[in-house]
C-alpha atoms as a PDB file:
ATOM      1  CA  MET A   1      94.377 113.695  69.567  1.00  0.00           C
ATOM      2  CA  ASN A   2      97.442 112.248  67.886  1.00  0.00           C
ATOM      3  CA  THR A   3     100.049 110.120  69.671  1.00  0.00           C
ATOM      4  CA  GLU A   4     102.191 113.119  70.610  1.00  0.00           C
ATOM      5  CA  GLU A   5      99.199 114.931  72.101  1.00  0.00           C
ATOM      6  CA  MET A   6      98.072 111.835  73.988  1.00  0.00           C
ATOM      7  CA  THR A   7     101.585 111.296  75.363  1.00  0.00           C
ATOM      8  CA  ALA A   8     101.670 114.863  76.653  1.00  0.00           C
ATOM      9  CA  LYS A   9      98.198 114.490  78.156  1.00  0.00           C
ATOM     10  CA  ILE A  10      99.178 111.401  80.136  1.00  0.00           C
ATOM     11  CA  ALA A  11     102.582 112.778  81.153  1.00  0.00           C
ATOM     12  CA  ASN A  12     101.345 116.163  82.341  1.00  0.00           C
ATOM     13  CA  GLY A  13      97.560 116.005  82.706  1.00  0.00           C
ATOM     14  CA  GLN A  14      96.015 117.096  85.985  1.00  0.00           C
ATOM     15  CA  GLY A  15      93.534 114.338  86.639  1.00  0.00           C
ATOM     16  CA  PHE A  16      93.287 110.556  86.689  1.00  0.00           C
ATOM     17  CA  ILE A  17      92.699 107.468  84.551  1.00  0.00           C
ATOM     18  CA  ALA A  18      89.349 105.701  84.826  1.00  0.00           C
ATOM     19  CA  ALA A  19      89.446 101.889  84.858  1.00  0.00           C
ATOM     20  CA  LEU A  20      86.446 100.623  82.863  1.00  0.00           C
ATOM     21  CA  ASP A  21      87.927  97.224  82.054  1.00  0.00           C
ATOM     22  CA  GLN A  22      86.098  94.641  84.162  1.00  0.00           C
ATOM     23  CA  SER A  23      85.967  91.407  82.180  1.00  0.00           C
ATOM     24  CA  GLY A  24      85.122  87.739  82.451  1.00  0.00           C
ATOM     25  CA  GLY A  25      84.396  86.644  86.006  1.00  0.00           C
ATOM     26  CA  SER A  26      84.426  90.173  87.429  1.00  0.00           C
ATOM     27  CA  THR A  27      81.628  91.422  85.159  1.00  0.00           C
ATOM     28  CA  PRO A  28      78.622  89.859  86.972  1.00  0.00           C
ATOM     29  CA  LYS A  29      79.876  91.293  90.269  1.00  0.00           C
ATOM     30  CA  ALA A  30      80.275  94.728  88.671  1.00  0.00           C
ATOM     31  CA  LEU A  31      76.768  94.502  87.227  1.00  0.00           C
ATOM     32  CA  ARG A  32      75.257  93.485  90.567  1.00  0.00           C
ATOM     33  CA  GLY A  33      76.959  96.480  92.161  1.00  0.00           C
ATOM     34  CA  TYR A  34      75.350  98.647  89.474  1.00  0.00           C
ATOM     35  CA  GLY A  35      71.921  97.174  90.207  1.00  0.00           C
ATOM     36  CA  VAL A  36      71.668  94.659  87.354  1.00  0.00           C
ATOM     37  CA  GLU A  37      70.819  91.228  88.757  1.00  0.00           C
ATOM     38  CA  ASP A  38      71.946  87.958  87.211  1.00  0.00           C
ATOM     39  CA  ASP A  39      68.441  87.138  85.944  1.00  0.00           C
ATOM     40  CA  GLU A  40      68.408  90.299  83.797  1.00  0.00           C
ATOM     41  CA  TRP A  41      70.805  88.787  81.277  1.00  0.00           C
ATOM     42  CA  SER A  42      71.515  85.375  79.758  1.00  0.00           C
ATOM     43  CA  GLY A  43      74.859  84.424  78.236  1.00  0.00           C
ATOM     44  CA  ASP A  44      77.997  86.383  77.626  1.00  0.00           C
ATOM     45  CA  GLU A  45      76.645  88.601  74.855  1.00  0.00           C
ATOM     46  CA  GLU A  46      73.780  89.919  76.970  1.00  0.00           C
ATOM     47  CA  MET A  47      76.099  90.279  79.962  1.00  0.00           C
ATOM     48  CA  PHE A  48      78.586  92.326  77.979  1.00  0.00           C
ATOM     49  CA  GLY A  49      75.718  94.301  76.455  1.00  0.00           C
ATOM     50  CA  GLN A  50      74.630  95.315  79.961  1.00  0.00           C
ATOM     51  CA  ILE A  51      78.143  96.324  81.017  1.00  0.00           C
ATOM     52  CA  HIS A  52      78.673  98.247  77.766  1.00  0.00           C
ATOM     53  CA  ALA A  53      75.466 100.183  78.426  1.00  0.00           C
ATOM     54  CA  MET A  54      76.810 101.095  81.869  1.00  0.00           C
ATOM     55  CA  ARG A  55      80.175 102.159  80.470  1.00  0.00           C
ATOM     56  CA  SER A  56      78.507 104.167  77.700  1.00  0.00           C
ATOM     57  CA  ARG A  57      76.436 105.981  80.311  1.00  0.00           C
ATOM     58  CA  VAL A  58      79.624 106.817  82.221  1.00  0.00           C
ATOM     59  CA  ILE A  59      81.516 107.976  79.129  1.00  0.00           C
ATOM     60  CA  THR A  60      78.661 110.198  77.915  1.00  0.00           C
ATOM     61  CA  SER A  61      78.019 111.768  81.316  1.00  0.00           C
ATOM     62  CA  PRO A  62      78.889 115.498  81.124  1.00  0.00           C
ATOM     63  CA  CYS A  63      81.186 115.279  84.134  1.00  0.00           C
ATOM     64  CA  PHE A  64      83.272 112.507  82.525  1.00  0.00           C
ATOM     65  CA  GLY A  65      84.424 114.971  79.869  1.00  0.00           C
ATOM     66  CA  SER A  66      85.156 117.717  82.394  1.00  0.00           C
ATOM     67  CA  GLY A  67      88.929 117.439  81.893  1.00  0.00           C
ATOM     68  CA  LYS A  68      89.494 115.694  85.212  1.00  0.00           C
ATOM     69  CA  VAL A  69      89.515 112.255  83.562  1.00  0.00           C
ATOM     70  CA  ILE A  70      92.605 112.182  81.341  1.00  0.00           C
ATOM     71  CA  GLY A  71      92.494 108.518  80.333  1.00  0.00           C
ATOM     72  CA  ALA A  72      90.281 105.429  80.384  1.00  0.00           C
ATOM     73  CA  ILE A  73      91.144 101.721  80.323  1.00  0.00           C
ATOM     74  CA  LEU A  74      88.792  99.586  78.237  1.00  0.00           C
ATOM     75  CA  PHE A  75      87.987  95.902  77.930  1.00  0.00           C
ATOM     76  CA  GLU A  76      88.359  94.540  74.385  1.00  0.00           C
ATOM     77  CA  LYS A  77      84.615  94.274  73.799  1.00  0.00           C
ATOM     78  CA  THR A  78      84.211  97.893  74.925  1.00  0.00           C
ATOM     79  CA  MET A  79      86.857  98.950  72.399  1.00  0.00           C
ATOM     80  CA  ASP A  80      85.022  96.950  69.719  1.00  0.00           C
ATOM     81  CA  GLY A  81      81.736  98.681  70.535  1.00  0.00           C
ATOM     82  CA  SER A  82      80.468 102.172  69.862  1.00  0.00           C
ATOM     83  CA  VAL A  83      79.319 105.158  71.892  1.00  0.00           C
ATOM     84  CA  GLU A  84      76.911 107.660  70.320  1.00  0.00           C
ATOM     85  CA  GLY A  85      77.699 106.343  66.853  1.00  0.00           C
ATOM     86  CA  LYS A  86      81.480 106.575  67.211  1.00  0.00           C
ATOM     87  CA  SER A  87      84.029 103.937  68.075  1.00  0.00           C
ATOM     88  CA  THR A  88      84.604 103.939  71.834  1.00  0.00           C
ATOM     89  CA  ALA A  89      88.175 105.187  71.363  1.00  0.00           C
ATOM     90  CA  ASP A  90      87.019 108.077  69.165  1.00  0.00           C
ATOM     91  CA  ALA A  91      84.219 108.926  71.599  1.00  0.00           C
ATOM     92  CA  LEU A  92      86.790 109.167  74.393  1.00  0.00           C
ATOM     93  CA  LYS A  93      89.267 111.200  72.367  1.00  0.00           C
ATOM     94  CA  ALA A  94      86.488 113.615  71.398  1.00  0.00           C
ATOM     95  CA  ARG A  95      86.161 114.289  75.133  1.00  0.00           C
ATOM     96  CA  GLY A  96      89.920 114.740  75.595  1.00  0.00           C
ATOM     97  CA  ILE A  97      90.353 111.301  77.175  1.00  0.00           C
ATOM     98  CA  VAL A  98      93.229 108.993  76.182  1.00  0.00           C
ATOM     99  CA  PRO A  99      92.157 105.354  75.511  1.00  0.00           C
ATOM    100  CA  PHE A 100      93.961 102.279  76.876  1.00  0.00           C
ATOM    101  CA  ILE A 101      93.122  98.597  76.359  1.00  0.00           C
ATOM    102  CA  LYS A 102      93.358  95.699  78.838  1.00  0.00           C
ATOM    103  CA  VAL A 103      95.426  92.989  77.134  1.00  0.00           C
ATOM    104  CA  ASP A 104      96.035  90.228  79.683  1.00  0.00           C
ATOM    105  CA  GLN A 105      94.069  86.980  79.519  1.00  0.00           C
ATOM    106  CA  GLY A 106      93.707  86.482  83.262  1.00  0.00           C
ATOM    107  CA  LEU A 107      95.873  85.138  86.054  1.00  0.00           C
ATOM    108  CA  ALA A 108      97.742  81.860  86.330  1.00  0.00           C
ATOM    109  CA  GLY A 109      97.690  79.841  89.530  1.00  0.00           C
ATOM    110  CA  GLU A 110      99.601  81.037  92.565  1.00  0.00           C
ATOM    111  CA  GLU A 111     103.287  80.141  92.723  1.00  0.00           C
ATOM    112  CA  ASN A 112     105.867  81.553  95.124  1.00  0.00           C
ATOM    113  CA  GLY A 113     103.262  83.869  96.592  1.00  0.00           C
ATOM    114  CA  ALA A 114     102.290  85.440  93.277  1.00  0.00           C
ATOM    115  CA  GLN A 115     100.049  85.011  90.267  1.00  0.00           C
ATOM    116  CA  MET A 116     101.663  85.721  86.936  1.00  0.00           C
ATOM    117  CA  MET A 117      99.676  86.374  83.780  1.00  0.00           C
ATOM    118  CA  LYS A 118      98.418  83.418  81.780  1.00  0.00           C
ATOM    119  CA  PRO A 119     100.195  83.001  78.419  1.00  0.00           C
ATOM    120  CA  LEU A 120      99.197  85.902  76.183  1.00  0.00           C
ATOM    121  CA  ASP A 121      98.665  83.884  72.991  1.00  0.00           C
ATOM    122  CA  LYS A 122      96.113  86.378  71.653  1.00  0.00           C
ATOM    123  CA  LEU A 123      98.359  89.389  72.249  1.00  0.00           C
ATOM    124  CA  PRO A 124      99.805  89.952  68.733  1.00  0.00           C
ATOM    125  CA  ALA A 125      96.357  90.044  67.131  1.00  0.00           C
ATOM    126  CA  LEU A 126      94.954  92.250  69.915  1.00  0.00           C
ATOM    127  CA  LEU A 127      97.835  94.709  69.596  1.00  0.00           C
ATOM    128  CA  GLU A 128      97.310  94.939  65.850  1.00  0.00           C
ATOM    129  CA  LYS A 129      93.598  95.571  66.338  1.00  0.00           C
ATOM    130  CA  SER A 130      94.261  98.112  69.089  1.00  0.00           C
ATOM    131  CA  VAL A 131      96.617 100.111  66.893  1.00  0.00           C
ATOM    132  CA  ALA A 132      94.019 100.072  64.110  1.00  0.00           C
ATOM    133  CA  ASN A 133      91.401 101.328  66.595  1.00  0.00           C
ATOM    134  CA  GLY A 134      93.556 104.305  67.608  1.00  0.00           C
ATOM    135  CA  MET A 135      94.343 103.145  71.123  1.00  0.00           C
ATOM    136  CA  PHE A 136      97.242 104.815  72.935  1.00  0.00           C
ATOM    137  CA  GLY A 137      98.309 102.205  75.452  1.00  0.00           C
ATOM    138  CA  THR A 138      97.669  98.908  77.163  1.00  0.00           C
ATOM    139  CA  LYS A 139      97.247  97.528  80.675  1.00  0.00           C
ATOM    140  CA  MET A 140      97.993  94.065  82.042  1.00  0.00           C
ATOM    141  CA  ARG A 141      97.669  92.762  85.592  1.00  0.00           C
ATOM    142  CA  SER A 142      99.597  90.343  87.781  1.00  0.00           C
ATOM    143  CA  VAL A 143      99.045  89.894  91.531  1.00  0.00           C
ATOM    144  CA  ILE A 144     101.579  89.591  94.354  1.00  0.00           C
ATOM    145  CA  LYS A 145     100.320  88.072  97.600  1.00  0.00           C
ATOM    146  CA  SER A 146     103.421  87.713  99.764  1.00  0.00           C
ATOM    147  CA  ALA A 147     106.968  89.013 100.165  1.00  0.00           C
ATOM    148  CA  ASP A 148     108.523  86.106  98.282  1.00  0.00           C
ATOM    149  CA  ALA A 149     111.529  87.447  96.377  1.00  0.00           C
ATOM    150  CA  ALA A 150     111.354  84.767  93.673  1.00  0.00           C
ATOM    151  CA  GLY A 151     107.655  85.293  93.032  1.00  0.00           C
ATOM    152  CA  ILE A 152     107.973  89.075  92.877  1.00  0.00           C
ATOM    153  CA  ALA A 153     110.973  88.885  90.545  1.00  0.00           C
ATOM    154  CA  ALA A 154     109.116  86.523  88.207  1.00  0.00           C
ATOM    155  CA  VAL A 155     106.069  88.806  88.047  1.00  0.00           C
ATOM    156  CA  VAL A 156     108.156  91.900  87.286  1.00  0.00           C
ATOM    157  CA  GLU A 157     110.278  90.087  84.695  1.00  0.00           C
ATOM    158  CA  GLN A 158     107.156  88.943  82.849  1.00  0.00           C
ATOM    159  CA  GLN A 159     105.610  92.411  82.991  1.00  0.00           C
ATOM    160  CA  PHE A 160     108.671  94.055  81.458  1.00  0.00           C
ATOM    161  CA  ALA A 161     109.121  91.344  78.815  1.00  0.00           C
ATOM    162  CA  VAL A 162     105.528  91.725  77.611  1.00  0.00           C
ATOM    163  CA  GLY A 163     105.816  95.499  77.983  1.00  0.00           C
ATOM    164  CA  ASN A 164     108.682  95.555  75.500  1.00  0.00           C
ATOM    165  CA  GLN A 165     106.597  93.500  73.059  1.00  0.00           C
ATOM    166  CA  ILE A 166     103.780  96.042  73.400  1.00  0.00           C
ATOM    167  CA  ALA A 167     106.111  99.006  72.931  1.00  0.00           C
ATOM    168  CA  ASP A 168     107.564  97.371  69.814  1.00  0.00           C
ATOM    169  CA  ALA A 169     104.015  97.279  68.421  1.00  0.00           C
ATOM    170  CA  GLY A 170     103.707 101.037  68.887  1.00  0.00           C
ATOM    171  CA  LEU A 171     101.604 101.223  72.046  1.00  0.00           C
ATOM    172  CA  MET A 172     102.374 102.531  75.554  1.00  0.00           C
ATOM    173  CA  PRO A 173     102.575  99.632  78.049  1.00  0.00           C
ATOM    174  CA  MET A 174     101.103 100.098  81.515  1.00  0.00           C
ATOM    175  CA  LEU A 175     102.677  97.462  83.753  1.00  0.00           C
ATOM    176  CA  GLU A 176     100.504  96.379  86.689  1.00  0.00           C
ATOM    177  CA  PRO A 177     102.178  94.169  89.301  1.00  0.00           C
ATOM    178  CA  GLU A 178      99.397  94.641  91.858  1.00  0.00           C
ATOM    179  CA  TYR A 179     100.252  93.953  95.503  1.00  0.00           C
ATOM    180  CA  ASP A 180      97.311  92.464  97.403  1.00  0.00           C
ATOM    181  CA  ILE A 181      96.401  95.080 100.029  1.00  0.00           C
ATOM    182  CA  THR A 182      95.312  92.351 102.471  1.00  0.00           C
ATOM    183  CA  SER A 183      98.807  90.844 102.618  1.00  0.00           C
ATOM    184  CA  ASP A 184     100.332  90.901 106.100  1.00  0.00           C
ATOM    185  CA  ASP A 185     103.862  91.410 104.764  1.00  0.00           C
ATOM    186  CA  ARG A 186     103.042  94.029 102.143  1.00  0.00           C
ATOM    187  CA  GLU A 187     105.466  96.656 103.452  1.00  0.00           C
ATOM    188  CA  ALA A 188     108.428  94.273 103.173  1.00  0.00           C
ATOM    189  CA  GLY A 189     107.201  92.980  99.831  1.00  0.00           C
ATOM    190  CA  GLU A 190     106.882  96.460  98.405  1.00  0.00           C
ATOM    191  CA  ASP A 191     110.583  97.036  99.156  1.00  0.00           C
ATOM    192  CA  ILE A 192     111.394  93.978  97.043  1.00  0.00           C
ATOM    193  CA  LEU A 193     108.937  95.068  94.358  1.00  0.00           C
ATOM    194  CA  LEU A 194     110.442  98.537  94.035  1.00  0.00           C
ATOM    195  CA  ALA A 195     113.956  97.104  93.717  1.00  0.00           C
ATOM    196  CA  GLU A 196     112.822  94.760  90.938  1.00  0.00           C
ATOM    197  CA  ILE A 197     110.938  97.549  89.152  1.00  0.00           C
ATOM    198  CA  MET A 198     114.001  99.802  89.226  1.00  0.00           C
ATOM    199  CA  LYS A 199     116.122  97.007  87.735  1.00  0.00           C
ATOM    200  CA  GLY A 200     113.574  96.569  84.969  1.00  0.00           C
ATOM    201  CA  LEU A 201     113.445 100.294  84.255  1.00  0.00           C
ATOM    202  CA  ASP A 202     117.217 100.569  84.123  1.00  0.00           C
ATOM    203  CA  ALA A 203     117.339  97.725  81.586  1.00  0.00           C
ATOM    204  CA  LEU A 204     114.892  99.317  79.123  1.00  0.00           C
ATOM    205  CA  PRO A 205     116.249 100.428  75.761  1.00  0.00           C
ATOM    206  CA  GLU A 206     117.317 104.063  75.669  1.00  0.00           C
ATOM    207  CA  GLY A 207     114.382 106.385  75.179  1.00  0.00           C
ATOM    208  CA  ARG A 208     111.710 103.762  75.881  1.00  0.00           C
ATOM    209  CA  LYS A 209     109.024 104.746  78.351  1.00  0.00           C
ATOM    210  CA  VAL A 210     106.504 102.656  80.243  1.00  0.00           C
ATOM    211  CA  MET A 211     103.753 103.366  82.727  1.00  0.00           C
ATOM    212  CA  LEU A 212     103.266 101.632  86.077  1.00  0.00           C
ATOM    213  CA  LYS A 213     100.009 100.814  87.846  1.00  0.00           C
ATOM    214  CA  LEU A 214     100.672  99.944  91.480  1.00  0.00           C
ATOM    215  CA  SER A 215      98.822  99.431  94.735  1.00  0.00           C
ATOM    216  CA  ILE A 216      98.895 102.498  96.972  1.00  0.00           C
ATOM    217  CA  PRO A 217     101.954 101.717  99.119  1.00  0.00           C
ATOM    218  CA  VAL A 218     102.061 101.173 102.860  1.00  0.00           C
ATOM    219  CA  LYS A 219     104.834 103.772 103.181  1.00  0.00           C
ATOM    220  CA  ALA A 220     103.856 107.143 101.743  1.00  0.00           C
ATOM    221  CA  GLY A 221     106.145 108.188  98.897  1.00  0.00           C
ATOM    222  CA  HIS A 222     107.567 104.684  98.529  1.00  0.00           C
ATOM    223  CA  TYR A 223     107.458 104.725  94.729  1.00  0.00           C
ATOM    224  CA  THR A 224     109.001 108.176  94.270  1.00  0.00           C
ATOM    225  CA  PRO A 225     112.197 106.684  92.728  1.00  0.00           C
ATOM    226  CA  ALA A 226     110.089 105.024  90.026  1.00  0.00           C
ATOM    227  CA  ILE A 227     108.010 108.166  89.492  1.00  0.00           C
ATOM    228  CA  ASN A 228     111.218 110.125  88.877  1.00  0.00           C
ATOM    229  CA  HIS A 229     112.845 107.527  86.593  1.00  0.00           C
ATOM    230  CA  PRO A 230     113.468 108.895  83.080  1.00  0.00           C
ATOM    231  CA  ASN A 231     111.910 105.791  81.485  1.00  0.00           C
ATOM    232  CA  VAL A 232     108.564 106.257  83.266  1.00  0.00           C
ATOM    233  CA  LEU A 233     105.802 108.265  81.623  1.00  0.00           C
ATOM    234  CA  ARG A 234     103.435 108.146  84.630  1.00  0.00           C
ATOM    235  CA  VAL A 235     102.754 106.091  87.743  1.00  0.00           C
ATOM    236  CA  VAL A 236      99.103 105.405  88.543  1.00  0.00           C
ATOM    237  CA  ALA A 237      97.477 103.792  91.556  1.00  0.00           C
ATOM    238  CA  LEU A 238      94.757 101.159  91.735  1.00  0.00           C
ATOM    239  CA  SER A 239      92.155 101.330  94.487  1.00  0.00           C
ATOM    240  CA  GLY A 240      92.691  97.641  95.289  1.00  0.00           C
ATOM    241  CA  GLY A 241      89.494  97.182  97.289  1.00  0.00           C
ATOM    242  CA  PHE A 242      89.781 100.365  99.364  1.00  0.00           C
ATOM    243  CA  SER A 243      86.643 102.505  99.499  1.00  0.00           C
ATOM    244  CA  THR A 244      86.700 105.752  97.515  1.00  0.00           C
ATOM    245  CA  ASP A 245      87.331 107.844 100.638  1.00  0.00           C
ATOM    246  CA  ASP A 246      90.071 105.564 101.960  1.00  0.00           C
ATOM    247  CA  ALA A 247      91.789 105.204  98.588  1.00  0.00           C
ATOM    248  CA  CYS A 248      91.757 108.970  98.004  1.00  0.00           C
ATOM    249  CA  GLU A 249      93.100 109.694 101.493  1.00  0.00           C
ATOM    250  CA  ARG A 250      95.975 107.260 100.967  1.00  0.00           C
ATOM    251  CA  LEU A 251      96.676 108.423  97.419  1.00  0.00           C
ATOM    252  CA  ALA A 252      96.927 112.067  98.498  1.00  0.00           C
ATOM    253  CA  GLN A 253      99.911 111.083 100.656  1.00  0.00           C
ATOM    254  CA  ASN A 254     101.810 109.958  97.530  1.00  0.00           C
ATOM    255  CA  PRO A 255     102.597 113.001  95.367  1.00  0.00           C
ATOM    256  CA  GLY A 256     103.357 112.088  91.789  1.00  0.00           C
ATOM    257  CA  MET A 257     100.948 109.131  91.701  1.00  0.00           C
ATOM    258  CA  ILE A 258      97.562 109.616  90.097  1.00  0.00           C
ATOM    259  CA  ALA A 259      94.535 107.380  90.411  1.00  0.00           C
ATOM    260  CA  SER A 260      93.409 104.644  88.061  1.00  0.00           C
ATOM    261  CA  PHE A 261      90.365 103.515  89.983  1.00  0.00           C
ATOM    262  CA  SER A 262      87.500 101.202  89.059  1.00  0.00           C
ATOM    263  CA  ARG A 263      85.553 100.421  92.233  1.00  0.00           C
ATOM    264  CA  GLY A 264      86.572 103.755  93.732  1.00  0.00           C
ATOM    265  CA  LEU A 265      85.021 105.534  90.751  1.00  0.00           C
ATOM    266  CA  LEU A 266      81.911 103.455  90.080  1.00  0.00           C
ATOM    267  CA  GLN A 267      80.853 102.048  93.451  1.00  0.00           C
ATOM    268  CA  ASP A 268      77.896 104.382  94.053  1.00  0.00           C
ATOM    269  CA  LEU A 269      76.412 104.324  90.533  1.00  0.00           C
ATOM    270  CA  ARG A 270      73.105 102.511  89.996  1.00  0.00           C
ATOM    271  CA  LYS A 271      71.151 101.694  86.849  1.00  0.00           C
ATOM    272  CA  GLY A 272      67.946 102.992  88.403  1.00  0.00           C
ATOM    273  CA  GLN A 273      69.292 106.479  89.094  1.00  0.00           C
ATOM    274  CA  SER A 274      67.897 109.353  87.063  1.00  0.00           C
ATOM    275  CA  ASP A 275      70.362 111.087  84.741  1.00  0.00           C
ATOM    276  CA  ASP A 276      70.730 113.932  87.232  1.00  0.00           C
ATOM    277  CA  GLU A 277      71.324 111.524  90.121  1.00  0.00           C
ATOM    278  CA  PHE A 278      73.779 109.474  88.067  1.00  0.00           C
ATOM    279  CA  ASP A 279      75.730 112.520  86.872  1.00  0.00           C
ATOM    280  CA  GLY A 280      75.775 114.033  90.350  1.00  0.00           C
ATOM    281  CA  THR A 281      77.050 110.835  91.941  1.00  0.00           C
ATOM    282  CA  LEU A 282      79.696 110.276  89.270  1.00  0.00           C
ATOM    283  CA  GLY A 283      80.724 113.936  89.397  1.00  0.00           C
ATOM    284  CA  LYS A 284      81.329 113.799  93.150  1.00  0.00           C
ATOM    285  CA  ALA A 285      83.534 110.719  92.751  1.00  0.00           C
ATOM    286  CA  ILE A 286      85.455 112.323  89.874  1.00  0.00           C
ATOM    287  CA  ASP A 287      86.062 115.513  91.874  1.00  0.00           C
ATOM    288  CA  LYS A 288      87.280 113.563  94.893  1.00  0.00           C
ATOM    289  CA  ILE A 289      89.584 111.274  92.901  1.00  0.00           C
ATOM    290  CA  ALA A 290      90.973 114.110  90.786  1.00  0.00           C
ATOM    291  CA  GLY A 291      91.678 116.122  93.931  1.00  0.00           C
ATOM    292  CA  ALA A 292      93.623 113.260  95.485  1.00  0.00           C
ATOM    293  CA  SER A 293      95.514 112.717  92.215  1.00  0.00           C
ATOM    294  CA  CYS A 294      96.624 116.347  92.081  1.00  0.00           C
ATOM    295  CA  ALA A 295      97.824 116.518  95.696  1.00  0.00           C
ATOM    296  CA  VAL A 296     101.346 117.933  96.100  1.00  0.00           C
END
């Protein structure tokens, strides 16, 4: 797939984007969920080797290439690795799946009810490498924890500023100002968030498109104005800690949003499953998530 074909796939594809980008501190937890205990690896290299084996098993599962997964978000080390003798990006594209790369370097401390991204000092080199690897887009995460107007505005401003840097490098930025689903004032905060997002979209250079990755909103259809904005390629939803069933039920109430789930996709997979058990479990999750993503 070339860039034009990948753009069309993301804009119009009937399916969802798989999030396979756990990194750093979240990797041991993901491995334990998969059935790999902490004493089965030693050091970062072995840890990332275990998680790459899991991701490779997902990517090569027949159901993953069924057409219902239209994109996948990778961690840098997953991009650097290989799947069945091909680069991970090429292995995905051979299955009709558009590759994205996680580019943030983690979260800064909380300020004004939000956590912005840490300084992205490695970003220029990572963008250059990602372009060389044939990646289509990027993803970067901030977290909002309360309806503090200053904190939300700062998060959105940073997301759009870095997004423009990514677009200038020739990649599609996926902005992710996640709203913590446990927040008591999330409904009010999401009103502020939408207003800030719309301001950021309106300020983009003519013809520039971005993607948005957002928590499934409290109010169904809340992000419809962003979905319909001419500068938005696609709006995707994170599962945010909801179970697969709960996340899919909520997502189906938001036409125009498609899933970009991690836990909601992988939560029932185990290393000890036979290939048939693994493929059957993954296939059921893919069918459920794709169905919720295509709800109208």
